[in-house]
Amino acid sequence: MIFQRSRPDWKGRLANVLILFGLVYAWLCFTCVLRQGHVSEDDYVRMTQEIVE
């Protein structure tokens, strides 16, 4: 009984680490997708000046 208590729960820790990495990866993918359509302020000003000219 004492031996089973002191045994580390490596399967649970491995599952927690994998879930954490999965959440971080999903967040990075999400931010990358959001950034694809982003136009910087300098580019926006340049494009509006080209349209006016």
N, C-alpha and C. Protein backbone atom coordinates (compact mmCIF):
# COMPACT_ATOMS: atom_id res chain seq x y z
N MET A 1 0.80 -1.19 0.00
CA MET A 1 0.00 0.00 0.00
C MET A 1 0.86 1.26 0.00
N ILE A 2 1.89 1.30 0.80
CA ILE A 2 2.76 2.48 0.85
C ILE A 2 3.50 2.64 -0.47
N PHE A 3 3.90 1.53 -1.10
CA PHE A 3 4.62 1.58 -2.36
C PHE A 3 3.73 2.20 -3.45
N GLN A 4 2.48 1.87 -3.48
CA GLN A 4 1.58 2.41 -4.49
C GLN A 4 1.33 3.91 -4.29
N ARG A 5 1.32 4.36 -3.06
CA ARG A 5 1.12 5.77 -2.79
C ARG A 5 2.30 6.62 -3.27
N SER A 6 3.49 6.15 -3.08
CA SER A 6 4.67 6.93 -3.45
C SER A 6 5.00 6.83 -4.93
N ARG A 7 4.32 5.94 -5.64
CA ARG A 7 4.59 5.79 -7.08
C ARG A 7 4.13 7.05 -7.82
N PRO A 8 4.98 7.61 -8.65
CA PRO A 8 4.59 8.82 -9.37
C PRO A 8 3.53 8.51 -10.43
N ASP A 9 2.63 9.43 -10.61
CA ASP A 9 1.57 9.27 -11.60
C ASP A 9 2.05 9.87 -12.92
N TRP A 10 2.93 9.16 -13.60
CA TRP A 10 3.54 9.71 -14.81
C TRP A 10 2.55 9.77 -15.96
N LYS A 11 1.56 8.92 -15.99
CA LYS A 11 0.58 8.98 -17.08
C LYS A 11 -0.26 10.24 -16.99
N GLY A 12 -0.66 10.61 -15.79
CA GLY A 12 -1.43 11.83 -15.60
C GLY A 12 -0.62 13.07 -15.93
N ARG A 13 0.63 13.07 -15.50
CA ARG A 13 1.49 14.22 -15.79
C ARG A 13 1.75 14.34 -17.28
N LEU A 14 1.96 13.21 -17.95
CA LEU A 14 2.18 13.23 -19.39
C LEU A 14 0.94 13.75 -20.11
N ALA A 15 -0.23 13.34 -19.67
CA ALA A 15 -1.47 13.83 -20.28
C ALA A 15 -1.62 15.33 -20.07
N ASN A 16 -1.30 15.81 -18.88
CA ASN A 16 -1.38 17.25 -18.62
C ASN A 16 -0.42 18.04 -19.48
N VAL A 17 0.79 17.53 -19.65
CA VAL A 17 1.78 18.22 -20.48
C VAL A 17 1.32 18.24 -21.94
N LEU A 18 0.79 17.12 -22.42
CA LEU A 18 0.32 17.08 -23.81
C LEU A 18 -0.86 18.02 -24.03
N ILE A 19 -1.76 18.10 -23.07
CA ILE A 19 -2.88 19.02 -23.18
C ILE A 19 -2.39 20.46 -23.19
N LEU A 20 -1.42 20.77 -22.34
CA LEU A 20 -0.87 22.12 -22.28
C LEU A 20 -0.21 22.49 -23.61
N PHE A 21 0.60 21.59 -24.16
CA PHE A 21 1.23 21.85 -25.46
C PHE A 21 0.19 22.01 -26.55
N GLY A 22 -0.86 21.23 -26.50
CA GLY A 22 -1.93 21.34 -27.48
C GLY A 22 -2.63 22.69 -27.41
N LEU A 23 -2.88 23.18 -26.20
CA LEU A 23 -3.52 24.49 -26.05
C LEU A 23 -2.61 25.62 -26.54
N VAL A 24 -1.33 25.52 -26.23
CA VAL A 24 -0.38 26.55 -26.70
C VAL A 24 -0.30 26.53 -28.21
N TYR A 25 -0.24 25.35 -28.82
CA TYR A 25 -0.18 25.24 -30.28
C TYR A 25 -1.44 25.79 -30.93
N ALA A 26 -2.60 25.49 -30.34
CA ALA A 26 -3.86 26.00 -30.88
C ALA A 26 -3.91 27.52 -30.80
N TRP A 27 -3.42 28.08 -29.69
CA TRP A 27 -3.41 29.53 -29.54
C TRP A 27 -2.49 30.18 -30.57
N LEU A 28 -1.32 29.59 -30.80
CA LEU A 28 -0.41 30.14 -31.80
C LEU A 28 -1.01 30.08 -33.19
N CYS A 29 -1.69 28.98 -33.52
CA CYS A 29 -2.35 28.87 -34.83
C CYS A 29 -3.45 29.92 -34.96
N PHE A 30 -4.21 30.11 -33.90
CA PHE A 30 -5.31 31.07 -33.91
C PHE A 30 -4.78 32.49 -34.14
N THR A 31 -3.72 32.87 -33.44
CA THR A 31 -3.18 34.22 -33.61
C THR A 31 -2.56 34.40 -35.00
N CYS A 32 -1.99 33.34 -35.54
CA CYS A 32 -1.41 33.41 -36.89
C CYS A 32 -2.51 33.64 -37.92
N VAL A 33 -3.61 32.94 -37.79
CA VAL A 33 -4.73 33.10 -38.71
C VAL A 33 -5.30 34.51 -38.61
N LEU A 34 -5.41 35.04 -37.40
CA LEU A 34 -5.92 36.40 -37.24
C LEU A 34 -5.01 37.44 -37.86
N ARG A 35 -3.71 37.19 -37.81
CA ARG A 35 -2.74 38.16 -38.31
C ARG A 35 -2.63 38.17 -39.83
N GLN A 36 -3.13 37.16 -40.53
CA GLN A 36 -2.94 37.08 -41.97
C GLN A 36 -3.59 38.24 -42.72
N GLY A 37 -4.75 38.68 -42.28
CA GLY A 37 -5.43 39.76 -42.97
C GLY A 37 -5.08 41.14 -42.45
N HIS A 38 -4.12 41.22 -41.55
CA HIS A 38 -3.78 42.50 -40.92
C HIS A 38 -2.91 43.35 -41.83
N VAL A 39 -3.25 44.63 -41.95
CA VAL A 39 -2.45 45.58 -42.72
C VAL A 39 -1.86 46.57 -41.72
N SER A 40 -0.56 46.76 -41.80
CA SER A 40 0.07 47.69 -40.85
C SER A 40 -0.37 49.12 -41.14
N GLU A 41 -0.21 49.98 -40.16
CA GLU A 41 -0.65 51.37 -40.29
C GLU A 41 0.12 52.10 -41.37
N ASP A 42 1.42 51.84 -41.48
CA ASP A 42 2.24 52.49 -42.51
C ASP A 42 1.79 52.09 -43.90
N ASP A 43 1.51 50.80 -44.09
CA ASP A 43 1.03 50.35 -45.39
C ASP A 43 -0.34 50.94 -45.72
N TYR A 44 -1.19 51.05 -44.72
CA TYR A 44 -2.51 51.62 -44.93
C TYR A 44 -2.41 53.08 -45.39
N VAL A 45 -1.54 53.85 -44.73
CA VAL A 45 -1.35 55.25 -45.11
C VAL A 45 -0.79 55.34 -46.52
N ARG A 46 0.17 54.50 -46.84
CA ARG A 46 0.77 54.53 -48.17
C ARG A 46 -0.27 54.18 -49.24
N MET A 47 -1.08 53.17 -48.98
CA MET A 47 -2.08 52.77 -49.97
C MET A 47 -3.14 53.85 -50.17
N THR A 48 -3.55 54.51 -49.09
CA THR A 48 -4.56 55.58 -49.25
C THR A 48 -3.96 56.77 -50.00
N GLN A 49 -2.70 57.06 -49.77
CA GLN A 49 -2.06 58.15 -50.53
C GLN A 49 -1.95 57.81 -52.00
N GLU A 50 -1.68 56.54 -52.33
CA GLU A 50 -1.60 56.12 -53.73
C GLU A 50 -2.97 56.20 -54.39
N ILE A 51 -4.02 55.88 -53.66
CA ILE A 51 -5.37 55.93 -54.22
C ILE A 51 -5.76 57.39 -54.50
N VAL A 52 -5.40 58.30 -53.58
CA VAL A 52 -5.74 59.71 -53.76
C VAL A 52 -5.01 60.30 -54.95
N GLU A 53 -3.77 59.90 -55.14
CA GLU A 53 -2.98 60.42 -56.27
C GLU A 53 -3.53 59.82 -57.53
